[in-house]
Amino acid sequence: MNNINKFIVVGLIFIAGVGSFVAGQFIIATVLFATAAIYSNIVKRVKINS
């Protein structure tokens, strides 16, 4: 998976979190935001280390 695909995945997870938040599903939105944040940090660390 190249960097563009990783950023697209993070963006889609974030957009899904916003959609869940607007729909009133706050627990799911929280999980999606946390997943996007953690995955984003993992992508950045891998990029820095390589």
N, C-alpha and C. Protein backbone atom coordinates (compact mmCIF):
# COMPACT_ATOMS: atom_id res chain seq x y z
N MET A 1 0.85 -1.18 0.00
CA MET A 1 0.00 0.00 0.00
C MET A 1 0.89 1.24 0.00
N ASN A 2 0.74 2.09 -0.99
CA ASN A 2 1.57 3.28 -1.02
C ASN A 2 0.95 4.40 -0.18
N ASN A 3 1.65 5.51 -0.08
CA ASN A 3 1.22 6.59 0.82
C ASN A 3 -0.12 7.20 0.44
N ILE A 4 -0.39 7.32 -0.85
CA ILE A 4 -1.67 7.91 -1.28
C ILE A 4 -2.83 7.05 -0.78
N ASN A 5 -2.71 5.75 -0.91
CA ASN A 5 -3.77 4.85 -0.44
C ASN A 5 -3.96 4.95 1.07
N LYS A 6 -2.88 5.10 1.80
CA LYS A 6 -2.97 5.22 3.26
C LYS A 6 -3.69 6.50 3.65
N PHE A 7 -3.41 7.59 2.96
CA PHE A 7 -4.08 8.85 3.26
C PHE A 7 -5.55 8.80 2.88
N ILE A 8 -5.86 8.09 1.81
CA ILE A 8 -7.25 7.92 1.41
C ILE A 8 -8.01 7.13 2.47
N VAL A 9 -7.39 6.08 3.00
CA VAL A 9 -8.03 5.27 4.04
C VAL A 9 -8.29 6.12 5.28
N VAL A 10 -7.31 6.90 5.72
CA VAL A 10 -7.48 7.76 6.89
C VAL A 10 -8.59 8.78 6.64
N GLY A 11 -8.63 9.35 5.46
CA GLY A 11 -9.67 10.32 5.11
C GLY A 11 -11.06 9.71 5.12
N LEU A 12 -11.18 8.50 4.57
CA LEU A 12 -12.48 7.83 4.55
C LEU A 12 -12.96 7.47 5.95
N ILE A 13 -12.04 7.02 6.79
CA ILE A 13 -12.41 6.71 8.18
C ILE A 13 -12.87 7.98 8.89
N PHE A 14 -12.16 9.09 8.66
CA PHE A 14 -12.54 10.36 9.28
C PHE A 14 -13.91 10.83 8.81
N ILE A 15 -14.16 10.73 7.51
CA ILE A 15 -15.46 11.14 6.96
C ILE A 15 -16.57 10.25 7.51
N ALA A 16 -16.30 8.96 7.65
CA ALA A 16 -17.30 8.07 8.25
C ALA A 16 -17.57 8.46 9.70
N GLY A 17 -16.52 8.90 10.42
CA GLY A 17 -16.70 9.37 11.79
C GLY A 17 -17.57 10.61 11.86
N VAL A 18 -17.36 11.54 10.93
CA VAL A 18 -18.19 12.74 10.89
C VAL A 18 -19.63 12.37 10.60
N GLY A 19 -19.84 11.46 9.67
CA GLY A 19 -21.19 11.01 9.35
C GLY A 19 -21.87 10.35 10.53
N SER A 20 -21.15 9.54 11.26
CA SER A 20 -21.70 8.89 12.45
C SER A 20 -22.02 9.91 13.53
N PHE A 21 -21.17 10.92 13.67
CA PHE A 21 -21.41 11.95 14.66
C PHE A 21 -22.67 12.74 14.35
N VAL A 22 -22.84 13.08 13.08
CA VAL A 22 -24.02 13.83 12.66
C VAL A 22 -25.28 12.99 12.85
N ALA A 23 -25.16 11.68 12.63
CA ALA A 23 -26.32 10.79 12.76
C ALA A 23 -26.65 10.50 14.22
N GLY A 24 -25.81 10.91 15.15
CA GLY A 24 -26.09 10.70 16.56
C GLY A 24 -25.51 9.43 17.13
N GLN A 25 -24.68 8.75 16.38
CA GLN A 25 -24.06 7.52 16.86
C GLN A 25 -22.68 7.86 17.43
N PHE A 26 -22.69 8.40 18.63
CA PHE A 26 -21.48 8.99 19.20
C PHE A 26 -20.41 7.97 19.56
N ILE A 27 -20.80 6.79 19.99
CA ILE A 27 -19.81 5.76 20.33
C ILE A 27 -19.08 5.30 19.08
N ILE A 28 -19.82 5.06 18.01
CA ILE A 28 -19.19 4.64 16.75
C ILE A 28 -18.31 5.76 16.21
N ALA A 29 -18.78 7.01 16.31
CA ALA A 29 -17.99 8.14 15.84
C ALA A 29 -16.68 8.25 16.62
N THR A 30 -16.74 8.05 17.92
CA THR A 30 -15.53 8.10 18.75
C THR A 30 -14.54 7.03 18.34
N VAL A 31 -15.03 5.83 18.10
CA VAL A 31 -14.15 4.73 17.67
C VAL A 31 -13.53 5.04 16.31
N LEU A 32 -14.31 5.58 15.39
CA LEU A 32 -13.77 5.90 14.07
C LEU A 32 -12.74 7.03 14.14
N PHE A 33 -12.99 8.06 14.94
CA PHE A 33 -12.01 9.14 15.10
C PHE A 33 -10.72 8.61 15.72
N ALA A 34 -10.84 7.76 16.73
CA ALA A 34 -9.65 7.19 17.37
C ALA A 34 -8.88 6.31 16.39
N THR A 35 -9.59 5.53 15.59
CA THR A 35 -8.93 4.69 14.59
C THR A 35 -8.19 5.53 13.57
N ALA A 36 -8.80 6.61 13.11
CA ALA A 36 -8.14 7.49 12.14
C ALA A 36 -6.90 8.13 12.74
N ALA A 37 -6.99 8.56 13.99
CA ALA A 37 -5.84 9.20 14.64
C ALA A 37 -4.69 8.22 14.84
N ILE A 38 -5.00 7.04 15.32
CA ILE A 38 -3.94 6.05 15.58
C ILE A 38 -3.31 5.60 14.26
N TYR A 39 -4.14 5.30 13.26
CA TYR A 39 -3.61 4.86 11.97
C TYR A 39 -2.76 5.96 11.33
N SER A 40 -3.19 7.21 11.46
CA SER A 40 -2.43 8.32 10.93
C SER A 40 -1.05 8.42 11.58
N ASN A 41 -1.00 8.24 12.89
CA ASN A 41 0.28 8.28 13.59
C ASN A 41 1.19 7.12 13.20
N ILE A 42 0.60 5.95 12.99
CA ILE A 42 1.39 4.80 12.56
C ILE A 42 2.00 5.06 11.18
N VAL A 43 1.20 5.62 10.27
CA VAL A 43 1.69 5.92 8.92
C VAL A 43 2.84 6.92 9.00
N LYS A 44 2.71 7.95 9.83
CA LYS A 44 3.77 8.95 9.95
C LYS A 44 5.04 8.34 10.53
N ARG A 45 4.91 7.49 11.54
CA ARG A 45 6.11 6.87 12.15
C ARG A 45 6.82 5.95 11.18
N VAL A 46 6.08 5.19 10.40
CA VAL A 46 6.70 4.32 9.41
C VAL A 46 7.42 5.15 8.37
N LYS A 47 6.82 6.27 7.97
CA LYS A 47 7.44 7.15 6.96
C LYS A 47 8.72 7.76 7.51
N ILE A 48 8.73 8.16 8.79
CA ILE A 48 9.92 8.77 9.39
C ILE A 48 11.04 7.76 9.55
N ASN A 49 10.70 6.54 9.97
CA ASN A 49 11.71 5.51 10.21
C ASN A 49 12.31 4.94 8.93
N SER A 50 11.63 5.04 7.82
CA SER A 50 12.17 4.45 6.59
C SER A 50 12.84 5.47 5.71
